[in-house]
Protein backbone atom coordinates (compact mmCIF):
# COMPACT_ATOMS: atom_id res chain seq x y z
CA SER A 1 0.00 0.00 0.00
CA LYS A 2 1.03 3.60 -0.45
CA LYS A 3 1.12 4.19 3.31
CA THR A 4 3.55 1.27 3.66
CA THR A 5 5.77 2.53 0.85
CA LYS A 6 5.82 6.08 2.26
CA GLY A 7 6.73 4.75 5.72
CA ASP A 8 9.60 2.72 4.29
CA GLY A 9 10.75 5.79 2.39
CA ASP A 10 10.79 7.81 5.61
CA LEU A 11 12.90 5.12 7.30
CA LEU A 12 15.32 5.09 4.37
CA ASN A 13 15.65 8.87 4.59
CA ALA A 14 16.42 8.60 8.32
CA ALA A 15 19.19 6.13 7.47
CA LEU A 16 20.41 8.38 4.65
CA SER A 17 20.75 11.26 7.13
CA LEU A 18 23.08 9.10 9.23
CA GLU A 19 25.20 8.29 6.18
CA HIS A 20 25.47 11.98 5.25
CA GLU A 21 26.66 12.71 8.80
CA ALA A 22 29.24 9.92 8.70
CA ILE A 23 30.60 11.13 5.36
CA GLY A 24 30.81 14.71 6.64
CA ILE A 25 32.61 13.75 9.84
CA TYR A 26 35.07 11.34 8.20
CA THR A 27 35.83 13.91 5.49
CA ALA A 28 36.39 16.75 7.96
CA ALA A 29 38.43 14.65 10.39
CA SER A 30 40.79 13.43 7.68
CA GLY A 31 41.60 17.06 6.89
CA LEU A 32 42.70 17.97 10.42
CA ALA A 33 46.41 18.84 10.58
CA PHE A 34 47.29 16.32 13.30
CA MET A 35 45.71 13.55 11.22
CA LYS A 36 48.46 14.06 8.60
CA ALA A 37 51.23 12.70 10.86
CA ASP A 38 52.99 9.55 9.66
CA ALA A 39 52.01 7.68 12.82
CA VAL A 40 48.34 8.28 12.02
CA LYS A 41 48.45 7.11 8.38
CA PRO A 42 47.37 3.51 9.15
CA TYR A 43 44.27 4.86 10.89
CA LEU A 44 43.52 7.13 7.95
CA ILE A 45 43.65 4.13 5.64
CA ILE A 46 41.05 2.36 7.79
CA ALA A 47 38.92 5.52 8.02
CA GLY A 48 39.21 5.99 4.26
CA SER A 49 37.79 2.52 3.67
CA PHE A 50 34.94 3.25 6.07
CA LEU A 51 34.29 6.54 4.25
CA GLU A 52 33.99 4.59 1.01
CA HIS A 53 31.56 2.16 2.69
CA HIS A 54 29.43 5.10 3.82
CA LYS A 55 29.43 6.56 0.31
CA GLY A 56 28.25 3.19 -0.97
CA HIS A 57 25.53 3.06 1.69
CA ARG A 58 24.46 6.57 0.71
CA GLU A 59 24.14 5.65 -2.97
CA ALA A 60 22.27 2.42 -2.16
CA LEU A 61 19.82 4.31 0.06
CA LYS A 62 19.29 6.99 -2.58
CA GLY A 63 18.62 4.24 -5.13
CA ALA A 64 16.12 2.51 -2.83
CA ILE A 65 14.30 5.80 -2.22
CA ALA A 66 14.17 6.52 -5.97
CA SER A 67 12.82 3.02 -6.56
CA LEU A 68 10.05 3.54 -4.00
CA LYS A 69 9.18 6.92 -5.57
CA LYS A 70 8.58 5.17 -8.90
CA THR A 71 5.72 3.22 -7.33
CA ASP A 72 4.50 5.92 -4.95
CA SER A 73 4.94 9.62 -5.68
CA SER A 74 4.15 10.50 -2.04
CA VAL A 75 7.53 9.09 -0.96
CA ALA A 76 9.75 12.01 0.01
CA ASP A 77 12.79 12.81 -2.11
CA ALA A 78 16.12 11.61 -0.76
CA VAL A 79 17.30 14.01 1.94
CA GLU A 80 20.22 16.21 0.98
CA SER A 81 23.42 16.42 2.94
CA LYS A 82 24.08 19.39 5.18
CA SER A 83 27.41 21.18 4.93
CA ILE A 84 30.41 19.44 6.45
CA ASP A 85 30.66 22.31 8.93
CA ASP A 86 27.10 21.59 10.12
CA TYR A 87 28.15 18.07 11.07
CA VAL A 88 31.50 18.97 12.59
CA SER A 89 30.95 22.35 14.28
CA PRO A 90 29.20 20.84 17.36
CA VAL A 91 32.21 18.60 18.07
CA ILE A 92 35.25 20.28 16.52
CA ALA A 93 36.51 21.75 19.82
CA LYS A 94 36.84 18.21 21.23
CA LEU A 95 38.80 16.91 18.23
CA THR A 96 42.23 17.71 19.60
CA ASP A 97 44.17 14.53 18.75
CA PRO A 98 43.85 11.27 16.77
CA ALA A 99 42.34 9.38 19.73
CA ALA A 100 39.55 11.95 20.04
CA VAL A 101 38.80 11.57 16.33
CA LEU A 102 38.68 7.78 16.67
CA ARG A 103 36.43 8.04 19.73
CA LEU A 104 34.01 10.28 17.82
CA ALA A 105 34.03 7.95 14.82
CA ALA A 106 33.42 4.93 17.09
CA LEU A 107 30.55 6.74 18.80
CA LYS A 108 28.92 7.63 15.48
CA GLU A 109 29.41 4.07 14.15
CA MET A 110 27.81 2.65 17.29
CA GLU A 111 24.86 5.04 16.99
CA ALA A 112 24.42 4.13 13.31
CA ALA A 113 24.61 0.39 14.02
CA LYS A 114 21.98 0.69 16.74
CA ALA A 115 19.77 2.82 14.49
CA TYR A 116 19.94 0.39 11.56
CA LEU A 117 19.29 -2.59 13.78
CA SER A 118 16.34 -0.88 15.47
CA LEU A 119 14.80 -0.07 12.07
CA ILE A 120 14.69 -3.70 10.89
CA SER A 121 11.29 -4.49 12.42
CA SER A 122 9.81 -1.21 11.19
CA PHE A 123 10.27 -1.88 7.47
CA LYS A 124 7.25 -3.38 5.76
CA ASP A 125 9.36 -4.56 2.82
CA GLY A 126 11.37 -7.63 3.86
CA THR A 127 14.20 -6.82 1.45
CA LEU A 128 14.62 -3.39 3.04
CA ALA A 129 14.57 -4.96 6.50
CA GLN A 130 17.34 -7.34 5.42
CA THR A 131 19.35 -4.46 3.95
CA SER A 132 18.97 -2.54 7.20
CA GLY A 133 20.31 -5.54 9.10
CA MET A 134 23.29 -5.89 6.79
CA LEU A 135 24.12 -2.19 7.05
CA GLY A 136 23.76 -2.35 10.83
CA GLY A 137 26.19 -5.24 10.88
CA GLU A 138 28.70 -3.31 8.81
CA GLU A 139 28.42 -0.29 11.10
CA ALA A 140 28.95 -2.58 14.11
CA GLY A 141 32.09 -3.90 12.41
CA HIS A 142 33.33 -0.34 11.96
CA PHE A 143 32.66 0.30 15.66
CA GLY A 144 34.68 -2.75 16.68
CA ALA A 145 37.58 -1.87 14.39
CA LEU A 146 37.72 1.69 15.71
CA ARG A 147 37.64 0.45 19.30
CA ALA A 148 40.55 -1.87 18.50
CA ALA A 149 42.42 1.06 16.92
CA LEU A 150 41.88 3.08 20.10
CA PHE A 151 43.24 0.20 22.14
CA VAL A 152 46.34 0.03 19.93
CA LEU A 153 46.81 3.79 20.40
CA GLY A 154 46.80 3.19 24.17
CA ASP A 155 43.57 5.09 24.72
CA LYS A 156 42.42 4.40 28.27
CA SER A 157 38.73 4.81 27.35
CA VAL A 158 38.84 1.24 26.00
CA PRO A 159 39.33 -1.35 28.76
CA ASN A 160 40.99 -4.58 27.56
CA GLU A 161 37.77 -6.56 27.92
CA GLN A 162 35.93 -4.11 25.68
CA VAL A 163 38.32 -3.94 22.74
CA ILE A 164 35.91 -5.93 20.60
CA PRO A 165 32.64 -5.88 22.53
CA GLY A 166 30.37 -8.89 22.22
CA VAL A 167 27.37 -6.62 21.88
CA LEU A 168 26.74 -3.01 21.04
CA PRO A 169 26.52 -1.02 24.23
CA GLY A 170 22.96 -0.57 25.42
CA SER A 171 22.57 2.27 27.87
CA TRP A 172 26.34 2.84 27.90
CA LYS A 173 27.28 5.92 25.94
CA GLN A 174 30.80 6.32 24.67
CA ASP A 175 32.24 9.72 25.36
CA PHE A 176 34.75 11.43 23.18
């Protein structure tokens, strides 16, 4: 039904907003002067691959929204990205070193994973629900990799037993 299609479109747009934010933050963080140091290059390679994943997610979500619009004109257009500054300005003062950047990235990956996984049961289209689950799994993988990178950097915010958490934190909120 049209109501179902419109609802799925709204959920896809919510996910697309998260991807726009991730792209903005990864792009801005990679341009910070202290992220150019040789010691940080391995982390930039990892972040660069995650940035490419997010760009792929963005394009897939835009395609799914366009596909829904073909069958139901009431589906909203794909949301546009804000400026990179809009995504980064609320947190830029805290981005003082590579560990802070990795903590922010891990936080955003965790939030995205939880969002995707919570959307699964809301989709009426089973294929979209499956896609949401797969994207949530990929975001959770990013979260784990970033936590491991923080551990390697010697960041004390990551206790040994939480390097690769068995589950995404529930009420726990990572600070950066």
